[in-house]
């Protein structure tokens, strides 16, 4: 089968890494990078660390308003799909690259395969929720990471082509955790001991774009008694500068504000953290995979299994709730096998083989 794979952001690089490695032993893959994540150095680092083949093409779309960015992607992708004539277009997750790829392929009557189908936050103010719902509606093959995701689709009347495969991010977490062990320690670079710090990430517009919410989050970090390692997403750093929060951070030695790190260094930081504070879906899961308590700075999560098992707590952007979780949140339940057996990529490749 000739598969045209569309990726455009770091979480999709991580998801695509184990799938592409397996796919290419069974199928022919044409890899398209939309350029949605446009930091060239960081993109290159992720591709090198994850052993992802160089993209056959980088569309270089870059940032923009949602309609502008998605429209530019669709114009470029239509030409590529017509030229390549793939048997299937594969998309990942819930970004603008996802919806652009699925819409374009669907309108050209090319089957769409959606990896990480069926996720729902039930928050329609999130662009990601709109992207994932629409993509699921027009996909022909839907690869669900969890039973919850599978059930969401069935409740919505989507039953044809739906497969419970497990989570490809779990595949990646298992594979790259070992590789991260052999990389120079980022903890040594930062003069940190294992389990002596909290790890924080923050990038969602709901948290970064508004003075009140971002100020509350940073105030909680500053008032905490813990050392906090904070790899600053460019979006968050820009708004922290705009709201005068960088000066407040600089005045305390407890917050180590650093540049974004590569995936292997991020794994090192995650595995060795006492707790993780994040608004990222992927980081929530990685915290769970590595058995690190997670404090999620959102009012909801798609990964409800982490909440049910007691390894994740929702605090939104409420300063007091963040501080309470930093001080007192401690899992007291065993984890379960919600995310598969680490062979989700193989299952996806096998299913694609059966529909040729």
C-alpha atoms as a PDB file:
ATOM      1  CA  UNK A   1       0.000   0.000   0.000  1.00  0.00           C
ATOM      2  CA  UNK A   2       1.163   3.512  -0.810  1.00  0.00           C
ATOM      3  CA  UNK A   3       0.566   5.695   2.255  1.00  0.00           C
ATOM      4  CA  UNK A   4       0.912   9.466   2.386  1.00  0.00           C
ATOM      5  CA  UNK A   5       1.547  10.455   6.004  1.00  0.00           C
ATOM      6  CA  UNK A   6       0.944  14.025   7.186  1.00  0.00           C
ATOM      7  CA  UNK A   7       2.604  15.437  10.298  1.00  0.00           C
ATOM      8  CA  UNK A   8       3.302  18.984  11.391  1.00  0.00           C
ATOM      9  CA  UNK A   9       3.911  19.341  15.140  1.00  0.00           C
ATOM     10  CA  UNK A  10       6.227  17.776  17.727  1.00  0.00           C
ATOM     11  CA  UNK A  11       3.587  15.478  19.298  1.00  0.00           C
ATOM     12  CA  UNK A  12       2.916  14.090  15.833  1.00  0.00           C
ATOM     13  CA  UNK A  13       6.620  13.455  15.273  1.00  0.00           C
ATOM     14  CA  UNK A  14       6.609  11.313  18.423  1.00  0.00           C
ATOM     15  CA  UNK A  15       3.480   9.396  17.377  1.00  0.00           C
ATOM     16  CA  UNK A  16       4.712   8.875  13.821  1.00  0.00           C
ATOM     17  CA  UNK A  17       8.149   7.570  14.844  1.00  0.00           C
ATOM     18  CA  UNK A  18       7.165   4.013  15.886  1.00  0.00           C
ATOM     19  CA  UNK A  19       4.457   3.769  13.217  1.00  0.00           C
ATOM     20  CA  UNK A  20       6.741   4.813  10.338  1.00  0.00           C
ATOM     21  CA  UNK A  21       9.422   2.393  11.518  1.00  0.00           C
ATOM     22  CA  UNK A  22       6.963  -0.517  11.257  1.00  0.00           C
ATOM     23  CA  UNK A  23       5.022   0.758   8.233  1.00  0.00           C
ATOM     24  CA  UNK A  24       8.106   0.873   6.051  1.00  0.00           C
ATOM     25  CA  UNK A  25       8.694  -2.844   6.512  1.00  0.00           C
ATOM     26  CA  UNK A  26       5.269  -3.582   4.980  1.00  0.00           C
ATOM     27  CA  UNK A  27       4.245  -0.549   2.928  1.00  0.00           C
ATOM     28  CA  UNK A  28       5.574   2.409   0.962  1.00  0.00           C
ATOM     29  CA  UNK A  29       5.339   5.697   2.878  1.00  0.00           C
ATOM     30  CA  UNK A  30       5.540   9.265   1.549  1.00  0.00           C
ATOM     31  CA  UNK A  31       6.121  11.571   4.513  1.00  0.00           C
ATOM     32  CA  UNK A  32       4.815  15.152   4.430  1.00  0.00           C
ATOM     33  CA  UNK A  33       5.794  17.746   7.037  1.00  0.00           C
ATOM     34  CA  UNK A  34       3.401  20.688   6.845  1.00  0.00           C
ATOM     35  CA  UNK A  35       5.787  22.967   8.710  1.00  0.00           C
ATOM     36  CA  UNK A  36       3.127  23.812  11.317  1.00  0.00           C
ATOM     37  CA  UNK A  37       5.926  23.490  13.873  1.00  0.00           C
ATOM     38  CA  UNK A  38       8.312  25.838  12.138  1.00  0.00           C
ATOM     39  CA  UNK A  39      11.325  25.946  14.478  1.00  0.00           C
ATOM     40  CA  UNK A  40      13.777  24.380  12.044  1.00  0.00           C
ATOM     41  CA  UNK A  41      16.395  23.482  14.642  1.00  0.00           C
ATOM     42  CA  UNK A  42      13.932  21.818  16.994  1.00  0.00           C
ATOM     43  CA  UNK A  43      12.199  19.978  14.148  1.00  0.00           C
ATOM     44  CA  UNK A  44      15.519  18.641  12.907  1.00  0.00           C
ATOM     45  CA  UNK A  45      16.515  17.569  16.432  1.00  0.00           C
ATOM     46  CA  UNK A  46      13.268  15.644  16.881  1.00  0.00           C
ATOM     47  CA  UNK A  47      13.644  13.887  13.547  1.00  0.00           C
ATOM     48  CA  UNK A  48      17.233  12.912  14.366  1.00  0.00           C
ATOM     49  CA  UNK A  49      16.457  11.684  17.890  1.00  0.00           C
ATOM     50  CA  UNK A  50      13.355   9.771  16.880  1.00  0.00           C
ATOM     51  CA  UNK A  51      14.973   8.093  13.864  1.00  0.00           C
ATOM     52  CA  UNK A  52      12.194   9.415  11.646  1.00  0.00           C
ATOM     53  CA  UNK A  53      13.106   9.405   7.942  1.00  0.00           C
ATOM     54  CA  UNK A  54      13.629  12.839   6.475  1.00  0.00           C
ATOM     55  CA  UNK A  55      10.278  14.115   5.161  1.00  0.00           C
ATOM     56  CA  UNK A  56       9.852  13.751   1.428  1.00  0.00           C
ATOM     57  CA  UNK A  57       8.593  17.317   1.463  1.00  0.00           C
ATOM     58  CA  UNK A  58       8.302  20.168   3.987  1.00  0.00           C
ATOM     59  CA  UNK A  59       5.508  22.536   3.033  1.00  0.00           C
ATOM     60  CA  UNK A  60       6.900  25.269   5.305  1.00  0.00           C
ATOM     61  CA  UNK A  61       3.442  26.651   6.123  1.00  0.00           C
ATOM     62  CA  UNK A  62       4.422  28.156   9.483  1.00  0.00           C
ATOM     63  CA  UNK A  63       2.133  29.980  11.872  1.00  0.00           C
ATOM     64  CA  UNK A  64      -1.044  31.925  11.193  1.00  0.00           C
ATOM     65  CA  UNK A  65      -4.695  32.216  12.154  1.00  0.00           C
ATOM     66  CA  UNK A  66      -6.561  28.916  12.083  1.00  0.00           C
ATOM     67  CA  UNK A  67      -8.356  29.413   8.761  1.00  0.00           C
ATOM     68  CA  UNK A  68      -5.296  30.914   7.101  1.00  0.00           C
ATOM     69  CA  UNK A  69      -2.973  28.139   8.255  1.00  0.00           C
ATOM     70  CA  UNK A  70      -5.416  25.325   7.464  1.00  0.00           C
ATOM     71  CA  UNK A  71      -6.274  26.799   4.075  1.00  0.00           C
ATOM     72  CA  UNK A  72      -2.629  27.099   3.035  1.00  0.00           C
ATOM     73  CA  UNK A  73      -2.053  23.496   4.058  1.00  0.00           C
ATOM     74  CA  UNK A  74      -5.041  22.263   2.070  1.00  0.00           C
ATOM     75  CA  UNK A  75      -3.949  24.096  -1.085  1.00  0.00           C
ATOM     76  CA  UNK A  76      -0.479  22.547  -0.896  1.00  0.00           C
ATOM     77  CA  UNK A  77      -1.705  19.096   0.160  1.00  0.00           C
ATOM     78  CA  UNK A  78      -4.234  18.883  -2.677  1.00  0.00           C
ATOM     79  CA  UNK A  79      -1.450  19.237  -5.243  1.00  0.00           C
ATOM     80  CA  UNK A  80       0.675  16.636  -3.462  1.00  0.00           C
ATOM     81  CA  UNK A  81      -2.109  14.078  -3.128  1.00  0.00           C
ATOM     82  CA  UNK A  82      -3.073  14.472  -6.783  1.00  0.00           C
ATOM     83  CA  UNK A  83       0.563  14.012  -7.792  1.00  0.00           C
ATOM     84  CA  UNK A  84       1.348  11.076  -5.479  1.00  0.00           C
ATOM     85  CA  UNK A  85      -1.959   9.207  -5.905  1.00  0.00           C
ATOM     86  CA  UNK A  86      -1.706   7.429  -2.522  1.00  0.00           C
ATOM     87  CA  UNK A  87      -3.917   4.513  -1.549  1.00  0.00           C
ATOM     88  CA  UNK A  88      -4.424   6.108   1.854  1.00  0.00           C
ATOM     89  CA  UNK A  89      -3.674   9.353   3.701  1.00  0.00           C
ATOM     90  CA  UNK A  90      -2.659   8.930   7.339  1.00  0.00           C
ATOM     91  CA  UNK A  91      -3.108  11.724   9.882  1.00  0.00           C
ATOM     92  CA  UNK A  92      -2.314  11.953  13.586  1.00  0.00           C
ATOM     93  CA  UNK A  93      -3.998  13.551  16.558  1.00  0.00           C
ATOM     94  CA  UNK A  94      -5.889  16.834  16.446  1.00  0.00           C
ATOM     95  CA  UNK A  95      -3.843  19.700  15.008  1.00  0.00           C
ATOM     96  CA  UNK A  96      -4.581  21.922  12.016  1.00  0.00           C
ATOM     97  CA  UNK A  97      -2.311  19.596  10.013  1.00  0.00           C
ATOM     98  CA  UNK A  98      -4.695  16.760  10.952  1.00  0.00           C
ATOM     99  CA  UNK A  99      -7.870  18.456   9.777  1.00  0.00           C
ATOM    100  CA  UNK A 100      -6.203  19.897   6.665  1.00  0.00           C
ATOM    101  CA  UNK A 101      -4.973  16.456   5.632  1.00  0.00           C
ATOM    102  CA  UNK A 102      -8.206  14.629   6.344  1.00  0.00           C
ATOM    103  CA  UNK A 103     -10.430  17.213   4.636  1.00  0.00           C
ATOM    104  CA  UNK A 104      -8.246  17.404   1.543  1.00  0.00           C
ATOM    105  CA  UNK A 105      -7.971  13.641   1.152  1.00  0.00           C
ATOM    106  CA  UNK A 106     -11.676  13.103   1.774  1.00  0.00           C
ATOM    107  CA  UNK A 107     -12.652  15.629  -0.908  1.00  0.00           C
ATOM    108  CA  UNK A 108     -10.353  13.806  -3.343  1.00  0.00           C
ATOM    109  CA  UNK A 109     -11.981  10.457  -2.424  1.00  0.00           C
ATOM    110  CA  UNK A 110      -8.759   9.122  -0.927  1.00  0.00           C
ATOM    111  CA  UNK A 111      -9.297   6.971   2.199  1.00  0.00           C
ATOM    112  CA  UNK A 112      -8.251   8.599   5.475  1.00  0.00           C
ATOM    113  CA  UNK A 113      -6.646   6.742   8.393  1.00  0.00           C
ATOM    114  CA  UNK A 114      -6.731   8.590  11.726  1.00  0.00           C
ATOM    115  CA  UNK A 115      -4.255   7.577  14.401  1.00  0.00           C
ATOM    116  CA  UNK A 116      -5.473   8.563  17.886  1.00  0.00           C
ATOM    117  CA  UNK A 117      -9.134   8.580  16.933  1.00  0.00           C
ATOM    118  CA  UNK A 118     -12.024   8.913  19.360  1.00  0.00           C
ATOM    119  CA  UNK A 119     -10.518  11.305  21.879  1.00  0.00           C
ATOM    120  CA  UNK A 120     -12.923  13.825  23.370  1.00  0.00           C
ATOM    121  CA  UNK A 121     -12.496  16.666  25.860  1.00  0.00           C
ATOM    122  CA  UNK A 122     -16.151  17.766  25.397  1.00  0.00           C
ATOM    123  CA  UNK A 123     -14.872  21.334  25.343  1.00  0.00           C
ATOM    124  CA  UNK A 124     -15.847  22.880  22.024  1.00  0.00           C
ATOM    125  CA  UNK A 125     -13.882  26.041  22.773  1.00  0.00           C
ATOM    126  CA  UNK A 126     -10.736  24.020  22.038  1.00  0.00           C
ATOM    127  CA  UNK A 127      -9.704  24.069  18.357  1.00  0.00           C
ATOM    128  CA  UNK A 128      -8.305  20.576  18.885  1.00  0.00           C
ATOM    129  CA  UNK A 129     -11.742  19.229  19.829  1.00  0.00           C
ATOM    130  CA  UNK A 130     -13.232  20.557  16.600  1.00  0.00           C
ATOM    131  CA  UNK A 131     -10.345  19.068  14.590  1.00  0.00           C
ATOM    132  CA  UNK A 132     -10.639  15.621  16.141  1.00  0.00           C
ATOM    133  CA  UNK A 133     -14.444  15.404  15.845  1.00  0.00           C
ATOM    134  CA  UNK A 134     -14.453  16.423  12.181  1.00  0.00           C
ATOM    135  CA  UNK A 135     -11.525  14.155  11.344  1.00  0.00           C
ATOM    136  CA  UNK A 136     -13.249  11.173  12.941  1.00  0.00           C
ATOM    137  CA  UNK A 137     -16.444  11.884  10.990  1.00  0.00           C
ATOM    138  CA  UNK A 138     -14.679  11.636   7.614  1.00  0.00           C
ATOM    139  CA  UNK A 139     -12.062   8.961   8.333  1.00  0.00           C
ATOM    140  CA  UNK A 140     -12.296   5.489   6.869  1.00  0.00           C
ATOM    141  CA  UNK A 141      -9.963   3.804   9.348  1.00  0.00           C
ATOM    142  CA  UNK A 142     -10.009   4.971  12.961  1.00  0.00           C
ATOM    143  CA  UNK A 143      -7.257   3.705  15.255  1.00  0.00           C
ATOM    144  CA  UNK A 144      -8.324   4.201  18.888  1.00  0.00           C
ATOM    145  CA  UNK A 145      -5.714   4.366  21.645  1.00  0.00           C
ATOM    146  CA  UNK A 146      -8.055   3.407  24.507  1.00  0.00           C
ATOM    147  CA  UNK A 147     -11.326   1.669  25.262  1.00  0.00           C
ATOM    148  CA  UNK A 148     -12.742   5.077  26.238  1.00  0.00           C
ATOM    149  CA  UNK A 149     -11.942   6.484  22.793  1.00  0.00           C
ATOM    150  CA  UNK A 150     -13.459   3.412  21.132  1.00  0.00           C
ATOM    151  CA  UNK A 151     -16.659   3.855  23.156  1.00  0.00           C
ATOM    152  CA  UNK A 152     -16.877   7.569  22.310  1.00  0.00           C
ATOM    153  CA  UNK A 153     -17.018   6.721  18.603  1.00  0.00           C
ATOM    154  CA  UNK A 154     -19.657   4.034  19.067  1.00  0.00           C
ATOM    155  CA  UNK A 155     -21.845   6.429  21.046  1.00  0.00           C
ATOM    156  CA  UNK A 156     -21.554   8.892  18.152  1.00  0.00           C
ATOM    157  CA  UNK A 157     -22.636   6.200  15.683  1.00  0.00           C
ATOM    158  CA  UNK A 158     -19.171   5.736  14.188  1.00  0.00           C
ATOM    159  CA  UNK A 159     -18.643   1.983  14.000  1.00  0.00           C
ATOM    160  CA  UNK A 160     -17.294   1.190  10.537  1.00  0.00           C
ATOM    161  CA  UNK A 161     -13.514   0.957  10.269  1.00  0.00           C
ATOM    162  CA  UNK A 162     -13.006   1.501  14.013  1.00  0.00           C
ATOM    163  CA  UNK A 163     -10.143  -0.446  15.618  1.00  0.00           C
ATOM    164  CA  UNK A 164      -8.880  -0.568  19.195  1.00  0.00           C
ATOM    165  CA  UNK A 165      -5.109  -0.658  18.677  1.00  0.00           C
ATOM    166  CA  UNK A 166      -3.628   0.850  21.837  1.00  0.00           C
ATOM    167  CA  UNK A 167      -1.594   4.020  22.026  1.00  0.00           C
ATOM    168  CA  UNK A 168       1.369   4.550  19.694  1.00  0.00           C
ATOM    169  CA  UNK A 169       2.779   7.015  22.232  1.00  0.00           C
ATOM    170  CA  UNK A 170       3.178   4.085  24.617  1.00  0.00           C
ATOM    171  CA  UNK A 171       5.167   2.318  21.907  1.00  0.00           C
ATOM    172  CA  UNK A 172       7.374   5.399  21.650  1.00  0.00           C
ATOM    173  CA  UNK A 173       7.712   5.786  25.416  1.00  0.00           C
ATOM    174  CA  UNK A 174       8.974   2.210  25.801  1.00  0.00           C
ATOM    175  CA  UNK A 175      11.334   2.387  22.827  1.00  0.00           C
ATOM    176  CA  UNK A 176      12.893   5.774  23.538  1.00  0.00           C
ATOM    177  CA  UNK A 177      13.161   5.466  27.320  1.00  0.00           C
ATOM    178  CA  UNK A 178      16.007   3.015  26.819  1.00  0.00           C
ATOM    179  CA  UNK A 179      17.628   5.268  24.220  1.00  0.00           C
ATOM    180  CA  UNK A 180      17.384   8.237  26.602  1.00  0.00           C
ATOM    181  CA  UNK A 181      19.420   6.303  29.173  1.00  0.00           C
ATOM    182  CA  UNK A 182      22.444   6.464  26.871  1.00  0.00           C
ATOM    183  CA  UNK A 183      22.215  10.187  26.173  1.00  0.00           C
ATOM    184  CA  UNK A 184      24.227  12.718  28.162  1.00  0.00           C
ATOM    185  CA  UNK A 185      22.210  13.623  31.231  1.00  0.00           C
ATOM    186  CA  UNK A 186      20.335  16.910  31.097  1.00  0.00           C
ATOM    187  CA  UNK A 187      20.127  16.682  34.901  1.00  0.00           C
ATOM    188  CA  UNK A 188      23.901  17.049  35.101  1.00  0.00           C
ATOM    189  CA  UNK A 189      23.747  20.094  32.833  1.00  0.00           C
ATOM    190  CA  UNK A 190      21.149  21.690  35.116  1.00  0.00           C
ATOM    191  CA  UNK A 191      22.898  20.547  38.340  1.00  0.00           C
ATOM    192  CA  UNK A 192      19.865  18.546  39.473  1.00  0.00           C
ATOM    193  CA  UNK A 193      19.468  15.352  41.445  1.00  0.00           C
ATOM    194  CA  UNK A 194      16.750  12.823  40.547  1.00  0.00           C
ATOM    195  CA  UNK A 195      13.422  13.489  42.311  1.00  0.00           C
ATOM    196  CA  UNK A 196      14.636  16.888  43.563  1.00  0.00           C
ATOM    197  CA  UNK A 197      12.473  19.028  41.283  1.00  0.00           C
ATOM    198  CA  UNK A 198       9.105  19.448  39.588  1.00  0.00           C
ATOM    199  CA  UNK A 199       8.838  19.635  35.795  1.00  0.00           C
ATOM    200  CA  UNK A 200       6.444  22.161  34.235  1.00  0.00           C
ATOM    201  CA  UNK A 201       5.194  22.728  30.686  1.00  0.00           C
ATOM    202  CA  UNK A 202       2.599  25.260  29.540  1.00  0.00           C
ATOM    203  CA  UNK A 203       1.577  26.038  25.971  1.00  0.00           C
ATOM    204  CA  UNK A 204      -2.207  26.030  25.489  1.00  0.00           C
ATOM    205  CA  UNK A 205      -3.743  29.376  24.495  1.00  0.00           C
ATOM    206  CA  UNK A 206      -6.271  29.119  27.323  1.00  0.00           C
ATOM    207  CA  UNK A 207      -3.345  29.359  29.755  1.00  0.00           C
ATOM    208  CA  UNK A 208      -0.784  31.455  27.916  1.00  0.00           C
ATOM    209  CA  UNK A 209      -2.772  34.139  26.123  1.00  0.00           C
ATOM    210  CA  UNK A 210      -4.594  35.676  29.055  1.00  0.00           C
ATOM    211  CA  UNK A 211      -2.853  37.766  31.703  1.00  0.00           C
ATOM    212  CA  UNK A 212      -5.026  36.477  34.556  1.00  0.00           C
ATOM    213  CA  UNK A 213      -4.512  32.777  33.879  1.00  0.00           C
ATOM    214  CA  UNK A 214      -0.795  32.912  33.055  1.00  0.00           C
ATOM    215  CA  UNK A 215      -0.114  35.206  36.023  1.00  0.00           C
ATOM    216  CA  UNK A 216      -1.910  32.780  38.354  1.00  0.00           C
ATOM    217  CA  UNK A 217       0.124  29.827  37.073  1.00  0.00           C
ATOM    218  CA  UNK A 218       3.443  31.653  37.414  1.00  0.00           C
ATOM    219  CA  UNK A 219       2.449  32.955  40.872  1.00  0.00           C
ATOM    220  CA  UNK A 220       1.839  29.363  41.982  1.00  0.00           C
ATOM    221  CA  UNK A 221       5.248  28.317  40.692  1.00  0.00           C
ATOM    222  CA  UNK A 222       6.926  31.217  42.511  1.00  0.00           C
ATOM    223  CA  UNK A 223       5.068  30.646  45.796  1.00  0.00           C
ATOM    224  CA  UNK A 224       5.783  26.919  45.797  1.00  0.00           C
ATOM    225  CA  UNK A 225       8.583  25.611  47.991  1.00  0.00           C
ATOM    226  CA  UNK A 226       9.813  23.386  45.166  1.00  0.00           C
ATOM    227  CA  UNK A 227      12.477  23.773  42.497  1.00  0.00           C
ATOM    228  CA  UNK A 228      10.636  23.872  39.163  1.00  0.00           C
ATOM    229  CA  UNK A 229      12.270  23.135  35.818  1.00  0.00           C
ATOM    230  CA  UNK A 230      10.293  24.988  33.157  1.00  0.00           C
ATOM    231  CA  UNK A 231      11.222  24.405  29.479  1.00  0.00           C
ATOM    232  CA  UNK A 232       9.496  27.476  28.072  1.00  0.00           C
ATOM    233  CA  UNK A 233       7.366  27.016  24.969  1.00  0.00           C
ATOM    234  CA  UNK A 234       7.896  30.020  22.634  1.00  0.00           C
ATOM    235  CA  UNK A 235       4.227  30.950  23.002  1.00  0.00           C
ATOM    236  CA  UNK A 236       4.392  30.964  26.787  1.00  0.00           C
ATOM    237  CA  UNK A 237       7.666  32.875  26.836  1.00  0.00           C
ATOM    238  CA  UNK A 238       6.282  35.545  24.521  1.00  0.00           C
ATOM    239  CA  UNK A 239       3.258  36.149  26.746  1.00  0.00           C
ATOM    240  CA  UNK A 240       5.324  35.988  29.926  1.00  0.00           C
ATOM    241  CA  UNK A 241       7.434  38.774  28.485  1.00  0.00           C
ATOM    242  CA  UNK A 242       4.325  40.725  27.454  1.00  0.00           C
ATOM    243  CA  UNK A 243       2.812  40.485  30.945  1.00  0.00           C
ATOM    244  CA  UNK A 244       6.035  41.270  32.817  1.00  0.00           C
ATOM    245  CA  UNK A 245       6.307  37.780  34.302  1.00  0.00           C
ATOM    246  CA  UNK A 246       9.856  37.050  33.161  1.00  0.00           C
ATOM    247  CA  UNK A 247      11.176  39.627  35.622  1.00  0.00           C
ATOM    248  CA  UNK A 248       9.290  37.924  38.463  1.00  0.00           C
ATOM    249  CA  UNK A 249      10.715  34.553  37.474  1.00  0.00           C
ATOM    250  CA  UNK A 250      14.235  35.986  37.262  1.00  0.00           C
ATOM    251  CA  UNK A 251      13.895  37.248  40.834  1.00  0.00           C
ATOM    252  CA  UNK A 252      13.581  33.715  42.208  1.00  0.00           C
ATOM    253  CA  UNK A 253      16.147  30.934  42.032  1.00  0.00           C
ATOM    254  CA  UNK A 254      13.509  28.228  42.414  1.00  0.00           C
ATOM    255  CA  UNK A 255      12.335  28.350  38.796  1.00  0.00           C
ATOM    256  CA  UNK A 256      14.822  27.121  36.216  1.00  0.00           C
ATOM    257  CA  UNK A 257      13.453  28.673  33.010  1.00  0.00           C
ATOM    258  CA  UNK A 258      15.170  26.883  30.135  1.00  0.00           C
ATOM    259  CA  UNK A 259      14.823  26.625  26.368  1.00  0.00           C
ATOM    260  CA  UNK A 260      12.723  23.780  24.912  1.00  0.00           C
ATOM    261  CA  UNK A 261      14.589  20.479  25.000  1.00  0.00           C
ATOM    262  CA  UNK A 262      14.724  17.522  22.636  1.00  0.00           C
ATOM    263  CA  UNK A 263      12.571  14.453  23.158  1.00  0.00           C
ATOM    264  CA  UNK A 264      15.250  12.315  24.805  1.00  0.00           C
ATOM    265  CA  UNK A 265      16.144  15.066  27.266  1.00  0.00           C
ATOM    266  CA  UNK A 266      12.447  15.575  27.962  1.00  0.00           C
ATOM    267  CA  UNK A 267      12.150  11.880  28.812  1.00  0.00           C
ATOM    268  CA  UNK A 268      15.058  12.243  31.243  1.00  0.00           C
ATOM    269  CA  UNK A 269      13.392  15.226  32.907  1.00  0.00           C
ATOM    270  CA  UNK A 270      10.011  13.476  33.089  1.00  0.00           C
ATOM    271  CA  UNK A 271      11.292  10.207  34.525  1.00  0.00           C
ATOM    272  CA  UNK A 272      13.344  11.930  37.221  1.00  0.00           C
ATOM    273  CA  UNK A 273      10.782  14.550  38.314  1.00  0.00           C
ATOM    274  CA  UNK A 274       8.978  14.373  41.673  1.00  0.00           C
ATOM    275  CA  UNK A 275       5.806  15.609  39.965  1.00  0.00           C
ATOM    276  CA  UNK A 276       4.881  17.079  36.596  1.00  0.00           C
ATOM    277  CA  UNK A 277       2.737  20.169  35.993  1.00  0.00           C
ATOM    278  CA  UNK A 278       1.418  20.458  32.450  1.00  0.00           C
ATOM    279  CA  UNK A 279      -1.395  21.392  30.092  1.00  0.00           C
ATOM    280  CA  UNK A 280      -0.119  18.973  27.439  1.00  0.00           C
ATOM    281  CA  UNK A 281      -2.018  15.802  26.622  1.00  0.00           C
ATOM    282  CA  UNK A 282       1.134  13.971  25.603  1.00  0.00           C
ATOM    283  CA  UNK A 283       3.028  14.912  28.752  1.00  0.00           C
ATOM    284  CA  UNK A 284       0.101  13.726  30.893  1.00  0.00           C
ATOM    285  CA  UNK A 285       0.406  10.295  29.330  1.00  0.00           C
ATOM    286  CA  UNK A 286       4.185  10.190  29.552  1.00  0.00           C
ATOM    287  CA  UNK A 287       3.946  11.061  33.250  1.00  0.00           C
ATOM    288  CA  UNK A 288       1.571   8.102  33.613  1.00  0.00           C
ATOM    289  CA  UNK A 289       3.816   5.783  31.588  1.00  0.00           C
ATOM    290  CA  UNK A 290       6.818   6.694  33.764  1.00  0.00           C
ATOM    291  CA  UNK A 291       4.791   6.557  37.010  1.00  0.00           C
ATOM    292  CA  UNK A 292       5.250  10.224  37.908  1.00  0.00           C
ATOM    293  CA  UNK A 293       2.321  12.082  39.559  1.00  0.00           C
ATOM    294  CA  UNK A 294       0.805  14.616  37.145  1.00  0.00           C
ATOM    295  CA  UNK A 295      -0.892  17.937  37.926  1.00  0.00           C
ATOM    296  CA  UNK A 296      -2.873  19.021  34.857  1.00  0.00           C
ATOM    297  CA  UNK A 297      -3.453  22.740  34.477  1.00  0.00           C
ATOM    298  CA  UNK A 298      -6.708  22.317  32.567  1.00  0.00           C
ATOM    299  CA  UNK A 299     -10.340  21.910  33.647  1.00  0.00           C
ATOM    300  CA  UNK A 300     -10.658  18.678  31.642  1.00  0.00           C
ATOM    301  CA  UNK A 301      -8.577  16.003  29.970  1.00  0.00           C
ATOM    302  CA  UNK A 302      -9.012  13.539  27.120  1.00  0.00           C
ATOM    303  CA  UNK A 303      -6.937  11.015  29.074  1.00  0.00           C
ATOM    304  CA  UNK A 304      -9.524  10.235  31.738  1.00  0.00           C
ATOM    305  CA  UNK A 305      -7.863   6.916  32.577  1.00  0.00           C
ATOM    306  CA  UNK A 306      -5.009   8.774  34.275  1.00  0.00           C
ATOM    307  CA  UNK A 307      -7.546  10.538  36.499  1.00  0.00           C
ATOM    308  CA  UNK A 308      -9.483   7.372  37.330  1.00  0.00           C
ATOM    309  CA  UNK A 309      -6.279   5.611  38.369  1.00  0.00           C
ATOM    310  CA  UNK A 310      -5.393   8.511  40.668  1.00  0.00           C
ATOM    311  CA  UNK A 311      -2.140   9.464  38.935  1.00  0.00           C
ATOM    312  CA  UNK A 312      -3.413  12.756  37.491  1.00  0.00           C
ATOM    313  CA  UNK A 313      -5.347  15.639  39.053  1.00  0.00           C
ATOM    314  CA  UNK A 314      -7.107  18.548  37.310  1.00  0.00           C
ATOM    315  CA  UNK A 315      -6.438  21.995  38.765  1.00  0.00           C
ATOM    316  CA  UNK A 316      -7.090  24.402  35.876  1.00  0.00           C
ATOM    317  CA  UNK A 317      -5.258  27.712  36.268  1.00  0.00           C
ATOM    318  CA  UNK A 318      -6.344  28.196  39.884  1.00  0.00           C
ATOM    319  CA  UNK A 319      -3.308  29.257  41.931  1.00  0.00           C
ATOM    320  CA  UNK A 320      -4.519  27.742  45.200  1.00  0.00           C
ATOM    321  CA  UNK A 321      -5.433  24.422  43.601  1.00  0.00           C
ATOM    322  CA  UNK A 322      -2.022  24.245  41.910  1.00  0.00           C
ATOM    323  CA  UNK A 323      -0.260  24.940  45.216  1.00  0.00           C
ATOM    324  CA  UNK A 324      -2.398  22.381  47.054  1.00  0.00           C
ATOM    325  CA  UNK A 325      -1.589  19.722  44.444  1.00  0.00           C
ATOM    326  CA  UNK A 326       2.125  20.541  44.531  1.00  0.00           C
ATOM    327  CA  UNK A 327       2.126  20.146  48.307  1.00  0.00           C
ATOM    328  CA  UNK A 328      -0.305  17.294  48.780  1.00  0.00           C
ATOM    329  CA  UNK A 329      -1.162  15.299  45.667  1.00  0.00           C
ATOM    330  CA  UNK A 330       0.132  11.742  45.902  1.00  0.00           C
ATOM    331  CA  UNK A 331      -1.180   8.725  43.957  1.00  0.00           C
ATOM    332  CA  UNK A 332      -2.465   5.866  46.087  1.00  0.00           C
ATOM    333  CA  UNK A 333      -3.757   3.519  43.367  1.00  0.00           C
ATOM    334  CA  UNK A 334      -2.063   1.023  41.097  1.00  0.00           C
ATOM    335  CA  UNK A 335      -1.919   1.759  37.399  1.00  0.00           C
ATOM    336  CA  UNK A 336      -3.711  -0.391  34.819  1.00  0.00           C
ATOM    337  CA  UNK A 337      -2.902  -1.324  31.217  1.00  0.00           C
ATOM    338  CA  UNK A 338      -5.108   1.247  29.494  1.00  0.00           C
ATOM    339  CA  UNK A 339      -2.787   2.068  26.602  1.00  0.00           C
ATOM    340  CA  UNK A 340      -2.004  -1.283  25.043  1.00  0.00           C
ATOM    341  CA  UNK A 341       0.994  -3.569  25.073  1.00  0.00           C
ATOM    342  CA  UNK A 342       3.564  -1.439  23.234  1.00  0.00           C
ATOM    343  CA  UNK A 343       2.735  -3.037  19.875  1.00  0.00           C
ATOM    344  CA  UNK A 344       0.086  -0.607  18.634  1.00  0.00           C
ATOM    345  CA  UNK A 345       2.172   0.356  15.574  1.00  0.00           C
ATOM    346  CA  UNK A 346       2.370  -3.276  14.475  1.00  0.00           C
ATOM    347  CA  UNK A 347      -1.395  -3.636  14.796  1.00  0.00           C
ATOM    348  CA  UNK A 348      -1.950  -0.533  12.666  1.00  0.00           C
ATOM    349  CA  UNK A 349       0.371  -1.854   9.953  1.00  0.00           C
ATOM    350  CA  UNK A 350      -1.391  -5.230   9.980  1.00  0.00           C
ATOM    351  CA  UNK A 351      -4.837  -3.627   9.668  1.00  0.00           C
ATOM    352  CA  UNK A 352      -3.650  -1.509   6.737  1.00  0.00           C
ATOM    353  CA  UNK A 353      -2.335  -4.674   5.109  1.00  0.00           C
ATOM    354  CA  UNK A 354      -5.722  -6.366   5.360  1.00  0.00           C
ATOM    355  CA  UNK A 355      -7.538  -3.540   3.561  1.00  0.00           C
ATOM    356  CA  UNK A 356      -5.274  -3.346   0.535  1.00  0.00           C
END
